[in-house]
Amino acid sequence: MLVGTVIGNVWATQKDPTLVGLRFLVIRPFTSDGKESAETIVAVDPLGAGIGERVLVVFGRAARHCIGRSHDIGFQCAVSAIIDKMELEDGRVFGSTQAHDLQTKR
């Protein structure tokens, strides 16, 4: 699993029938050093996360469970939580969005 920030939406008019009705988000993995990751992933969003929000993303069986369609689905990556706050061992605190982080540093 990983923590990431929602940076976009994906729309597909043609897709596998098992994916009909599902919402897809583009997510950039979170880095604790503040540098943006060059990687992105696409995840199914059963929770309704918005652009800029931090989310917990799961893969494989856990993702299929979150999506709620058992093993009969052609996707293995899903948003399992919308994060309110993260505290790291070194005392740094991160909020639900990057903007929230900037407000709390002042």
PDB file of N, CA and C in Angstrom:
ATOM      1  N   MET A   1       0.842  -1.168   0.000  1.00  0.00           N
ATOM      2  CA  MET A   1       0.000   0.000   0.000  1.00  0.00           C
ATOM      3  C   MET A   1       0.881   1.223   0.000  1.00  0.00           C
ATOM      4  N   LEU A   2       0.289   2.354  -0.394  1.00  0.00           N
ATOM      5  CA  LEU A   2       1.045   3.597  -0.398  1.00  0.00           C
ATOM      6  C   LEU A   2       0.133   4.776  -0.118  1.00  0.00           C
ATOM      7  N   VAL A   3       0.766   5.890   0.270  1.00  0.00           N
ATOM      8  CA  VAL A   3       0.060   7.147   0.469  1.00  0.00           C
ATOM      9  C   VAL A   3       0.316   7.978  -0.781  1.00  0.00           C
ATOM     10  N   GLY A   4      -0.731   8.620  -1.277  1.00  0.00           N
ATOM     11  CA  GLY A   4      -0.580   9.431  -2.472  1.00  0.00           C
ATOM     12  C   GLY A   4      -1.507  10.629  -2.451  1.00  0.00           C
ATOM     13  N   THR A   5      -1.314  11.512  -3.431  1.00  0.00           N
ATOM     14  CA  THR A   5      -2.142  12.697  -3.591  1.00  0.00           C
ATOM     15  C   THR A   5      -2.900  12.587  -4.902  1.00  0.00           C
ATOM     16  N   VAL A   6      -4.198  12.845  -4.857  1.00  0.00           N
ATOM     17  CA  VAL A   6      -5.018  12.794  -6.062  1.00  0.00           C
ATOM     18  C   VAL A   6      -4.677  14.001  -6.927  1.00  0.00           C
ATOM     19  N   ILE A   7      -4.265  13.747  -8.179  1.00  0.00           N
ATOM     20  CA  ILE A   7      -3.893  14.845  -9.077  1.00  0.00           C
ATOM     21  C   ILE A   7      -4.762  14.913 -10.326  1.00  0.00           C
ATOM     22  N   GLY A   8      -5.689  13.974 -10.492  1.00  0.00           N
ATOM     23  CA  GLY A   8      -6.534  14.033 -11.676  1.00  0.00           C
ATOM     24  C   GLY A   8      -7.559  12.921 -11.736  1.00  0.00           C
ATOM     25  N   ASN A   9      -8.375  12.971 -12.773  1.00  0.00           N
ATOM     26  CA  ASN A   9      -9.408  11.975 -13.036  1.00  0.00           C
ATOM     27  C   ASN A   9      -9.115  11.282 -14.358  1.00  0.00           C
ATOM     28  N   VAL A  10      -9.639  10.091 -14.530  1.00  0.00           N
ATOM     29  CA  VAL A  10      -9.527   9.358 -15.788  1.00  0.00           C
ATOM     30  C   VAL A  10     -10.936   9.017 -16.242  1.00  0.00           C
ATOM     31  N   TRP A  11     -11.237   9.310 -17.495  1.00  0.00           N
ATOM     32  CA  TRP A  11     -12.510   8.929 -18.091  1.00  0.00           C
ATOM     33  C   TRP A  11     -12.231   7.969 -19.234  1.00  0.00           C
ATOM     34  N   ALA A  12     -13.006   6.908 -19.312  1.00  0.00           N
ATOM     35  CA  ALA A  12     -12.861   5.926 -20.389  1.00  0.00           C
ATOM     36  C   ALA A  12     -14.247   5.519 -20.862  1.00  0.00           C
ATOM     37  N   THR A  13     -14.543   5.779 -22.123  1.00  0.00           N
ATOM     38  CA  THR A  13     -15.862   5.417 -22.646  1.00  0.00           C
ATOM     39  C   THR A  13     -15.937   3.945 -23.006  1.00  0.00           C
ATOM     40  N   GLN A  14     -14.795   3.346 -23.281  1.00  0.00           N
ATOM     41  CA  GLN A  14     -14.760   1.916 -23.559  1.00  0.00           C
ATOM     42  C   GLN A  14     -13.818   1.256 -22.567  1.00  0.00           C
ATOM     43  N   LYS A  15     -14.340   0.252 -21.874  1.00  0.00           N
ATOM     44  CA  LYS A  15     -13.538  -0.435 -20.876  1.00  0.00           C
ATOM     45  C   LYS A  15     -14.098  -1.826 -20.643  1.00  0.00           C
ATOM     46  N   ASP A  16     -13.354  -2.626 -19.922  1.00  0.00           N
ATOM     47  CA  ASP A  16     -13.783  -3.966 -19.568  1.00  0.00           C
ATOM     48  C   ASP A  16     -15.133  -3.874 -18.860  1.00  0.00           C
ATOM     49  N   PRO A  17     -16.062  -4.775 -19.175  1.00  0.00           N
ATOM     50  CA  PRO A  17     -17.383  -4.720 -18.550  1.00  0.00           C
ATOM     51  C   PRO A  17     -17.360  -4.754 -17.018  1.00  0.00           C
ATOM     52  N   THR A  18     -16.333  -5.343 -16.414  1.00  0.00           N
ATOM     53  CA  THR A  18     -16.261  -5.392 -14.952  1.00  0.00           C
ATOM     54  C   THR A  18     -15.946  -4.028 -14.341  1.00  0.00           C
ATOM     55  N   LEU A  19     -15.549  -3.069 -15.174  1.00  0.00           N
ATOM     56  CA  LEU A  19     -15.170  -1.743 -14.679  1.00  0.00           C
ATOM     57  C   LEU A  19     -16.251  -0.691 -14.881  1.00  0.00           C
ATOM     58  N   VAL A  20     -17.366  -1.067 -15.471  1.00  0.00           N
ATOM     59  CA  VAL A  20     -18.458  -0.120 -15.709  1.00  0.00           C
ATOM     60  C   VAL A  20     -18.971   0.429 -14.378  1.00  0.00           C
ATOM     61  N   GLY A  21     -19.141   1.736 -14.335  1.00  0.00           N
ATOM     62  CA  GLY A  21     -19.663   2.384 -13.139  1.00  0.00           C
ATOM     63  C   GLY A  21     -18.624   2.749 -12.105  1.00  0.00           C
ATOM     64  N   LEU A  22     -17.358   2.437 -12.361  1.00  0.00           N
ATOM     65  CA  LEU A  22     -16.300   2.755 -11.395  1.00  0.00           C
ATOM     66  C   LEU A  22     -15.632   4.077 -11.753  1.00  0.00           C
ATOM     67  N   ARG A  23     -15.193   4.803 -10.739  1.00  0.00           N
ATOM     68  CA  ARG A  23     -14.505   6.085 -10.894  1.00  0.00           C
ATOM     69  C   ARG A  23     -13.003   5.851 -10.778  1.00  0.00           C
ATOM     70  N   PHE A  24     -12.237   6.462 -11.687  1.00  0.00           N
ATOM     71  CA  PHE A  24     -10.784   6.300 -11.688  1.00  0.00           C
ATOM     72  C   PHE A  24     -10.093   7.624 -11.388  1.00  0.00           C
ATOM     73  N   LEU A  25      -9.045   7.562 -10.564  1.00  0.00           N
ATOM     74  CA  LEU A  25      -8.265   8.747 -10.218  1.00  0.00           C
ATOM     75  C   LEU A  25      -6.803   8.546 -10.590  1.00  0.00           C
ATOM     76  N   VAL A  26      -6.130   9.642 -10.940  1.00  0.00           N
ATOM     77  CA  VAL A  26      -4.681   9.645 -11.118  1.00  0.00           C
ATOM     78  C   VAL A  26      -4.091  10.078  -9.783  1.00  0.00           C
ATOM     79  N   ILE A  27      -3.158   9.288  -9.278  1.00  0.00           N
ATOM     80  CA  ILE A  27      -2.583   9.532  -7.956  1.00  0.00           C
ATOM     81  C   ILE A  27      -1.064   9.571  -8.044  1.00  0.00           C
ATOM     82  N   ARG A  28      -0.491  10.595  -7.418  1.00  0.00           N
ATOM     83  CA  ARG A  28       0.970  10.719  -7.348  1.00  0.00           C
ATOM     84  C   ARG A  28       1.412  10.249  -5.969  1.00  0.00           C
ATOM     85  N   PRO A  29       2.328   9.286  -5.895  1.00  0.00           N
ATOM     86  CA  PRO A  29       2.803   8.819  -4.591  1.00  0.00           C
ATOM     87  C   PRO A  29       3.387   9.956  -3.748  1.00  0.00           C
ATOM     88  N   PHE A  30       3.112   9.928  -2.457  1.00  0.00           N
ATOM     89  CA  PHE A  30       3.592  10.914  -1.499  1.00  0.00           C
ATOM     90  C   PHE A  30       5.056  10.640  -1.183  1.00  0.00           C
ATOM     91  N   THR A  31       5.856  11.686  -1.094  1.00  0.00           N
ATOM     92  CA  THR A  31       7.248  11.555  -0.655  1.00  0.00           C
ATOM     93  C   THR A  31       7.441  12.442   0.569  1.00  0.00           C
ATOM     94  N   SER A  32       8.082  11.925   1.589  1.00  0.00           N
ATOM     95  CA  SER A  32       8.249  12.681   2.836  1.00  0.00           C
ATOM     96  C   SER A  32       9.312  13.765   2.732  1.00  0.00           C
ATOM     97  N   ASP A  33      10.121  13.750   1.654  1.00  0.00           N
ATOM     98  CA  ASP A  33      11.144  14.786   1.501  1.00  0.00           C
ATOM     99  C   ASP A  33      10.624  16.033   0.793  1.00  0.00           C
ATOM    100  N   GLY A  34       9.349  16.019   0.400  1.00  0.00           N
ATOM    101  CA  GLY A  34       8.749  17.188  -0.233  1.00  0.00           C
ATOM    102  C   GLY A  34       8.917  17.268  -1.731  1.00  0.00           C
ATOM    103  N   LYS A  35       9.736  16.394  -2.308  1.00  0.00           N
ATOM    104  CA  LYS A  35       9.934  16.394  -3.757  1.00  0.00           C
ATOM    105  C   LYS A  35       8.802  15.606  -4.414  1.00  0.00           C
ATOM    106  N   GLU A  36       8.326  16.102  -5.558  1.00  0.00           N
ATOM    107  CA  GLU A  36       7.256  15.404  -6.259  1.00  0.00           C
ATOM    108  C   GLU A  36       7.802  14.152  -6.932  1.00  0.00           C
ATOM    109  N   SER A  37       7.076  13.079  -6.805  1.00  0.00           N
ATOM    110  CA  SER A  37       7.421  11.841  -7.490  1.00  0.00           C
ATOM    111  C   SER A  37       7.123  12.006  -8.968  1.00  0.00           C
ATOM    112  N   ALA A  38       7.941  11.399  -9.806  1.00  0.00           N
ATOM    113  CA  ALA A  38       7.709  11.427 -11.253  1.00  0.00           C
ATOM    114  C   ALA A  38       6.688  10.368 -11.659  1.00  0.00           C
ATOM    115  N   GLU A  39       6.395   9.462 -10.753  1.00  0.00           N
ATOM    116  CA  GLU A  39       5.473   8.360 -11.034  1.00  0.00           C
ATOM    117  C   GLU A  39       4.032   8.769 -10.762  1.00  0.00           C
ATOM    118  N   THR A  40       3.116   8.127 -11.461  1.00  0.00           N
ATOM    119  CA  THR A  40       1.694   8.244 -11.156  1.00  0.00           C
ATOM    120  C   THR A  40       1.076   6.861 -11.281  1.00  0.00           C
ATOM    121  N   ILE A  41      -0.048   6.678 -10.612  1.00  0.00           N
ATOM    122  CA  ILE A  41      -0.801   5.434 -10.722  1.00  0.00           C
ATOM    123  C   ILE A  41      -2.264   5.786 -10.936  1.00  0.00           C
ATOM    124  N   VAL A  42      -3.010   4.838 -11.448  1.00  0.00           N
ATOM    125  CA  VAL A  42      -4.451   4.998 -11.593  1.00  0.00           C
ATOM    126  C   VAL A  42      -5.106   4.014 -10.638  1.00  0.00           C
ATOM    127  N   ALA A  43      -6.053   4.516  -9.848  1.00  0.00           N
ATOM    128  CA  ALA A  43      -6.740   3.675  -8.868  1.00  0.00           C
ATOM    129  C   ALA A  43      -8.242   3.889  -8.955  1.00  0.00           C
ATOM    130  N   VAL A  44      -8.990   2.838  -8.689  1.00  0.00           N
ATOM    131  CA  VAL A  44     -10.443   2.947  -8.564  1.00  0.00           C
ATOM    132  C   VAL A  44     -10.736   3.674  -7.257  1.00  0.00           C
ATOM    133  N   ASP A  45     -11.738   4.573  -7.289  1.00  0.00           N
ATOM    134  CA  ASP A  45     -12.084   5.336  -6.091  1.00  0.00           C
ATOM    135  C   ASP A  45     -13.521   5.068  -5.669  1.00  0.00           C
ATOM    136  N   PRO A  46     -13.732   4.146  -4.727  1.00  0.00           N
ATOM    137  CA  PRO A  46     -15.083   3.891  -4.250  1.00  0.00           C
ATOM    138  C   PRO A  46     -15.536   4.883  -3.160  1.00  0.00           C
ATOM    139  N   LEU A  47     -14.635   5.785  -2.727  1.00  0.00           N
ATOM    140  CA  LEU A  47     -14.928   6.659  -1.588  1.00  0.00           C
ATOM    141  C   LEU A  47     -15.294   8.093  -1.950  1.00  0.00           C
ATOM    142  N   GLY A  48     -14.905   8.558  -3.128  1.00  0.00           N
ATOM    143  CA  GLY A  48     -15.216   9.930  -3.513  1.00  0.00           C
ATOM    144  C   GLY A  48     -14.148  10.942  -3.158  1.00  0.00           C
ATOM    145  N   ALA A  49     -12.893  10.581  -3.246  1.00  0.00           N
ATOM    146  CA  ALA A  49     -11.794  11.510  -2.968  1.00  0.00           C
ATOM    147  C   ALA A  49     -11.752  12.605  -4.034  1.00  0.00           C
ATOM    148  N   GLY A  50     -11.250  13.770  -3.645  1.00  0.00           N
ATOM    149  CA  GLY A  50     -11.172  14.896  -4.563  1.00  0.00           C
ATOM    150  C   GLY A  50      -9.735  15.256  -4.907  1.00  0.00           C
ATOM    151  N   ILE A  51      -9.591  16.083  -5.936  1.00  0.00           N
ATOM    152  CA  ILE A  51      -8.281  16.557  -6.364  1.00  0.00           C
ATOM    153  C   ILE A  51      -7.588  17.234  -5.184  1.00  0.00           C
ATOM    154  N   GLY A  52      -6.318  16.893  -4.977  1.00  0.00           N
ATOM    155  CA  GLY A  52      -5.521  17.488  -3.911  1.00  0.00           C
ATOM    156  C   GLY A  52      -5.542  16.714  -2.607  1.00  0.00           C
ATOM    157  N   GLU A  53      -6.508  15.818  -2.436  1.00  0.00           N
ATOM    158  CA  GLU A  53      -6.592  15.069  -1.176  1.00  0.00           C
ATOM    159  C   GLU A  53      -5.561  13.943  -1.133  1.00  0.00           C
ATOM    160  N   ARG A  54      -5.108  13.665   0.083  1.00  0.00           N
ATOM    161  CA  ARG A  54      -4.203  12.539   0.302  1.00  0.00           C
ATOM    162  C   ARG A  54      -5.030  11.294   0.562  1.00  0.00           C
ATOM    163  N   VAL A  55      -4.593  10.195  -0.028  1.00  0.00           N
ATOM    164  CA  VAL A  55      -5.342   8.948   0.070  1.00  0.00           C
ATOM    165  C   VAL A  55      -4.404   7.780   0.345  1.00  0.00           C
ATOM    166  N   LEU A  56      -4.972   6.712   0.890  1.00  0.00           N
ATOM    167  CA  LEU A  56      -4.263   5.460   1.082  1.00  0.00           C
ATOM    168  C   LEU A  56      -4.693   4.537  -0.056  1.00  0.00           C
ATOM    169  N   VAL A  57      -3.719   4.010  -0.781  1.00  0.00           N
ATOM    170  CA  VAL A  57      -3.995   3.164  -1.935  1.00  0.00           C
ATOM    171  C   VAL A  57      -3.535   1.737  -1.635  1.00  0.00           C
ATOM    172  N   VAL A  58      -4.389   0.779  -1.942  1.00  0.00           N
ATOM    173  CA  VAL A  58      -4.061  -0.636  -1.742  1.00  0.00           C
ATOM    174  C   VAL A  58      -4.081  -1.357  -3.086  1.00  0.00           C
ATOM    175  N   PHE A  59      -3.437  -2.515  -3.118  1.00  0.00           N
ATOM    176  CA  PHE A  59      -3.283  -3.269  -4.356  1.00  0.00           C
ATOM    177  C   PHE A  59      -3.749  -4.715  -4.170  1.00  0.00           C
ATOM    178  N   GLY A  60      -3.972  -5.388  -5.279  1.00  0.00           N
ATOM    179  CA  GLY A  60      -4.287  -6.807  -5.261  1.00  0.00           C
ATOM    180  C   GLY A  60      -5.605  -7.142  -4.600  1.00  0.00           C
ATOM    181  N   ARG A  61      -5.575  -8.188  -3.779  1.00  0.00           N
ATOM    182  CA  ARG A  61      -6.788  -8.675  -3.121  1.00  0.00           C
ATOM    183  C   ARG A  61      -7.449  -7.601  -2.262  1.00  0.00           C
ATOM    184  N   ALA A  62      -6.636  -6.818  -1.557  1.00  0.00           N
ATOM    185  CA  ALA A  62      -7.181  -5.736  -0.725  1.00  0.00           C
ATOM    186  C   ALA A  62      -7.930  -4.719  -1.584  1.00  0.00           C
ATOM    187  N   ALA A  63      -7.396  -4.422  -2.760  1.00  0.00           N
ATOM    188  CA  ALA A  63      -8.061  -3.477  -3.661  1.00  0.00           C
ATOM    189  C   ALA A  63      -9.379  -4.039  -4.164  1.00  0.00           C
ATOM    190  N   ARG A  64      -9.380  -5.285  -4.568  1.00  0.00           N
ATOM    191  CA  ARG A  64     -10.623  -5.903  -5.053  1.00  0.00           C
ATOM    192  C   ARG A  64     -11.673  -5.919  -3.946  1.00  0.00           C
ATOM    193  N   HIS A  65     -11.250  -6.123  -2.714  1.00  0.00           N
ATOM    194  CA  HIS A  65     -12.173  -6.096  -1.577  1.00  0.00           C
ATOM    195  C   HIS A  65     -12.770  -4.694  -1.410  1.00  0.00           C
ATOM    196  N   CYS A  66     -11.924  -3.656  -1.493  1.00  0.00           N
ATOM    197  CA  CYS A  66     -12.403  -2.271  -1.361  1.00  0.00           C
ATOM    198  C   CYS A  66     -13.373  -1.900  -2.471  1.00  0.00           C
ATOM    199  N   ILE A  67     -13.092  -2.369  -3.672  1.00  0.00           N
ATOM    200  CA  ILE A  67     -13.963  -2.067  -4.812  1.00  0.00           C
ATOM    201  C   ILE A  67     -15.312  -2.762  -4.635  1.00  0.00           C
ATOM    202  N   GLY A  68     -15.297  -3.916  -3.979  1.00  0.00           N
ATOM    203  CA  GLY A  68     -16.535  -4.598  -3.656  1.00  0.00           C
ATOM    204  C   GLY A  68     -17.102  -5.482  -4.743  1.00  0.00           C
ATOM    205  N   ARG A  69     -16.253  -5.920  -5.637  1.00  0.00           N
ATOM    206  CA  ARG A  69     -16.741  -6.782  -6.715  1.00  0.00           C
ATOM    207  C   ARG A  69     -16.026  -8.126  -6.734  1.00  0.00           C
ATOM    208  N   SER A  70     -15.536  -8.546  -5.607  1.00  0.00           N
ATOM    209  CA  SER A  70     -14.895  -9.850  -5.453  1.00  0.00           C
ATOM    210  C   SER A  70     -13.714  -9.992  -6.401  1.00  0.00           C
ATOM    211  N   HIS A  71     -13.472 -11.206  -6.840  1.00  0.00           N
ATOM    212  CA  HIS A  71     -12.339 -11.474  -7.736  1.00  0.00           C
ATOM    213  C   HIS A  71     -12.713 -11.281  -9.196  1.00  0.00           C
ATOM    214  N   ASP A  72     -13.970 -10.994  -9.467  1.00  0.00           N
ATOM    215  CA  ASP A  72     -14.445 -10.869 -10.839  1.00  0.00           C
ATOM    216  C   ASP A  72     -14.323  -9.445 -11.356  1.00  0.00           C
ATOM    217  N   ILE A  73     -13.121  -8.874 -11.235  1.00  0.00           N
ATOM    218  CA  ILE A  73     -12.897  -7.506 -11.700  1.00  0.00           C
ATOM    219  C   ILE A  73     -11.517  -7.407 -12.330  1.00  0.00           C
ATOM    220  N   GLY A  74     -11.426  -6.618 -13.380  1.00  0.00           N
ATOM    221  CA  GLY A  74     -10.166  -6.471 -14.098  1.00  0.00           C
ATOM    222  C   GLY A  74      -9.328  -5.317 -13.601  1.00  0.00           C
ATOM    223  N   PHE A  75      -9.234  -5.136 -12.276  1.00  0.00           N
ATOM    224  CA  PHE A  75      -8.459  -4.029 -11.724  1.00  0.00           C
ATOM    225  C   PHE A  75      -7.968  -4.396 -10.331  1.00  0.00           C
ATOM    226  N   GLN A  76      -6.753  -3.981  -9.979  1.00  0.00           N
ATOM    227  CA  GLN A  76      -6.183  -4.369  -8.682  1.00  0.00           C
ATOM    228  C   GLN A  76      -5.526  -3.211  -7.939  1.00  0.00           C
ATOM    229  N   CYS A  77      -6.119  -2.025  -8.033  1.00  0.00           N
ATOM    230  CA  CYS A  77      -5.572  -0.859  -7.345  1.00  0.00           C
ATOM    231  C   CYS A  77      -6.751   0.019  -6.930  1.00  0.00           C
ATOM    232  N   ALA A  78      -6.867   0.346  -5.630  1.00  0.00           N
ATOM    233  CA  ALA A  78      -8.026   1.106  -5.163  1.00  0.00           C
ATOM    234  C   ALA A  78      -7.689   2.029  -3.999  1.00  0.00           C
ATOM    235  N   VAL A  79      -8.436   3.119  -3.910  1.00  0.00           N
ATOM    236  CA  VAL A  79      -8.368   4.024  -2.764  1.00  0.00           C
ATOM    237  C   VAL A  79      -9.119   3.354  -1.621  1.00  0.00           C
ATOM    238  N   SER A  80      -8.446   3.178  -0.482  1.00  0.00           N
ATOM    239  CA  SER A  80      -9.091   2.530   0.660  1.00  0.00           C
ATOM    240  C   SER A  80      -9.370   3.501   1.802  1.00  0.00           C
ATOM    241  N   ALA A  81      -8.789   4.713   1.744  1.00  0.00           N
ATOM    242  CA  ALA A  81      -9.021   5.707   2.797  1.00  0.00           C
ATOM    243  C   ALA A  81      -8.651   7.094   2.293  1.00  0.00           C
ATOM    244  N   ILE A  82      -9.362   8.096   2.799  1.00  0.00           N
ATOM    245  CA  ILE A  82      -9.003   9.496   2.574  1.00  0.00           C
ATOM    246  C   ILE A  82      -8.356   9.956   3.879  1.00  0.00           C
ATOM    247  N   ILE A  83      -7.124  10.408   3.792  1.00  0.00           N
ATOM    248  CA  ILE A  83      -6.316  10.701   4.982  1.00  0.00           C
ATOM    249  C   ILE A  83      -6.643  12.085   5.546  1.00  0.00           C
ATOM    250  N   ASP A  84      -6.833  12.148   6.852  1.00  0.00           N
ATOM    251  CA  ASP A  84      -7.048  13.421   7.543  1.00  0.00           C
ATOM    252  C   ASP A  84      -5.727  14.003   8.040  1.00  0.00           C
ATOM    253  N   LYS A  85      -4.847  13.134   8.544  1.00  0.00           N
ATOM    254  CA  LYS A  85      -3.603  13.607   9.153  1.00  0.00           C
ATOM    255  C   LYS A  85      -2.606  12.458   9.217  1.00  0.00           C
ATOM    256  N   MET A  86      -1.325  12.783   9.030  1.00  0.00           N
ATOM    257  CA  MET A  86      -0.250  11.793   9.190  1.00  0.00           C
ATOM    258  C   MET A  86       0.813  12.392  10.103  1.00  0.00           C
ATOM    259  N   GLU A  87       1.301  11.595  11.026  1.00  0.00           N
ATOM    260  CA  GLU A  87       2.406  12.001  11.888  1.00  0.00           C
ATOM    261  C   GLU A  87       3.539  11.012  11.687  1.00  0.00           C
ATOM    262  N   LEU A  88       4.726  11.531  11.374  1.00  0.00           N
ATOM    263  CA  LEU A  88       5.882  10.668  11.175  1.00  0.00           C
ATOM    264  C   LEU A  88       6.704  10.567  12.453  1.00  0.00           C
ATOM    265  N   GLU A  89       7.542   9.575  12.500  1.00  0.00           N
ATOM    266  CA  GLU A  89       8.354   9.308  13.690  1.00  0.00           C
ATOM    267  C   GLU A  89       9.205  10.508  14.100  1.00  0.00           C
ATOM    268  N   ASP A  90       9.682  11.279  13.116  1.00  0.00           N
ATOM    269  CA  ASP A  90      10.548  12.422  13.427  1.00  0.00           C
ATOM    270  C   ASP A  90       9.774  13.666  13.874  1.00  0.00           C
ATOM    271  N   GLY A  91       8.457  13.530  14.045  1.00  0.00           N
ATOM    272  CA  GLY A  91       7.654  14.635  14.537  1.00  0.00           C
ATOM    273  C   GLY A  91       6.963  15.458  13.470  1.00  0.00           C
ATOM    274  N   ARG A  92       7.287  15.237  12.198  1.00  0.00           N
ATOM    275  CA  ARG A  92       6.611  15.982  11.136  1.00  0.00           C
ATOM    276  C   ARG A  92       5.156  15.542  11.032  1.00  0.00           C
ATOM    277  N   VAL A  93       4.303  16.526  10.785  1.00  0.00           N
ATOM    278  CA  VAL A  93       2.873  16.273  10.651  1.00  0.00           C
ATOM    279  C   VAL A  93       2.427  16.741   9.278  1.00  0.00           C
ATOM    280  N   PHE A  94       1.664  15.897   8.597  1.00  0.00           N
ATOM    281  CA  PHE A  94       1.131  16.216   7.283  1.00  0.00           C
ATOM    282  C   PHE A  94      -0.381  16.156   7.356  1.00  0.00           C
ATOM    283  N   GLY A  95      -1.032  17.112   6.703  1.00  0.00           N
ATOM    284  CA  GLY A  95      -2.487  17.169   6.713  1.00  0.00           C
ATOM    285  C   GLY A  95      -3.112  16.438   5.545  1.00  0.00           C
ATOM    286  N   SER A  96      -4.370  16.735   5.320  1.00  0.00           N
ATOM    287  CA  SER A  96      -5.128  16.042   4.280  1.00  0.00           C
ATOM    288  C   SER A  96      -4.770  16.514   2.876  1.00  0.00           C
ATOM    289  N   THR A  97      -4.153  17.693   2.751  1.00  0.00           N
ATOM    290  CA  THR A  97      -3.716  18.221   1.457  1.00  0.00           C
ATOM    291  C   THR A  97      -2.383  18.936   1.639  1.00  0.00           C
ATOM    292  N   GLN A  98      -1.700  19.198   0.534  1.00  0.00           N
ATOM    293  CA  GLN A  98      -0.448  19.938   0.607  1.00  0.00           C
ATOM    294  C   GLN A  98      -0.703  21.369   1.087  1.00  0.00           C
ATOM    295  N   ALA A  99      -1.819  21.952   0.676  1.00  0.00           N
ATOM    296  CA  ALA A  99      -2.160  23.303   1.120  1.00  0.00           C
ATOM    297  C   ALA A  99      -2.303  23.349   2.643  1.00  0.00           C
ATOM    298  N   HIS A 100      -2.872  22.301   3.223  1.00  0.00           N
ATOM    299  CA  HIS A 100      -3.012  22.233   4.682  1.00  0.00           C
ATOM    300  C   HIS A 100      -1.634  22.193   5.333  1.00  0.00           C
ATOM    301  N   ASP A 101      -0.684  21.497   4.741  1.00  0.00           N
ATOM    302  CA  ASP A 101       0.682  21.441   5.278  1.00  0.00           C
ATOM    303  C   ASP A 101       1.294  22.834   5.325  1.00  0.00           C
ATOM    304  N   LEU A 102       1.107  23.607   4.257  1.00  0.00           N
ATOM    305  CA  LEU A 102       1.686  24.942   4.176  1.00  0.00           C
ATOM    306  C   LEU A 102       1.073  25.870   5.219  1.00  0.00           C
ATOM    307  N   GLN A 103      -0.220  25.720   5.505  1.00  0.00           N
ATOM    308  CA  GLN A 103      -0.884  26.554   6.497  1.00  0.00           C
ATOM    309  C   GLN A 103      -0.386  26.243   7.901  1.00  0.00           C
ATOM    310  N   THR A 104      -0.098  24.977   8.196  1.00  0.00           N
ATOM    311  CA  THR A 104       0.309  24.600   9.546  1.00  0.00           C
ATOM    312  C   THR A 104       1.780  24.932   9.820  1.00  0.00           C
ATOM    313  N   LYS A 105       2.595  25.195   8.782  1.00  0.00           N
ATOM    314  CA  LYS A 105       4.010  25.520   8.983  1.00  0.00           C
ATOM    315  C   LYS A 105       4.212  26.962   9.381  1.00  0.00           C
ATOM    316  N   ARG A 106       3.212  27.805   9.185  1.00  0.00           N
ATOM    317  CA  ARG A 106       3.361  29.239   9.484  1.00  0.00           C
ATOM    318  C   ARG A 106       3.354  29.519  10.949  1.00  0.00           C
TER     319      ARG A 106
END
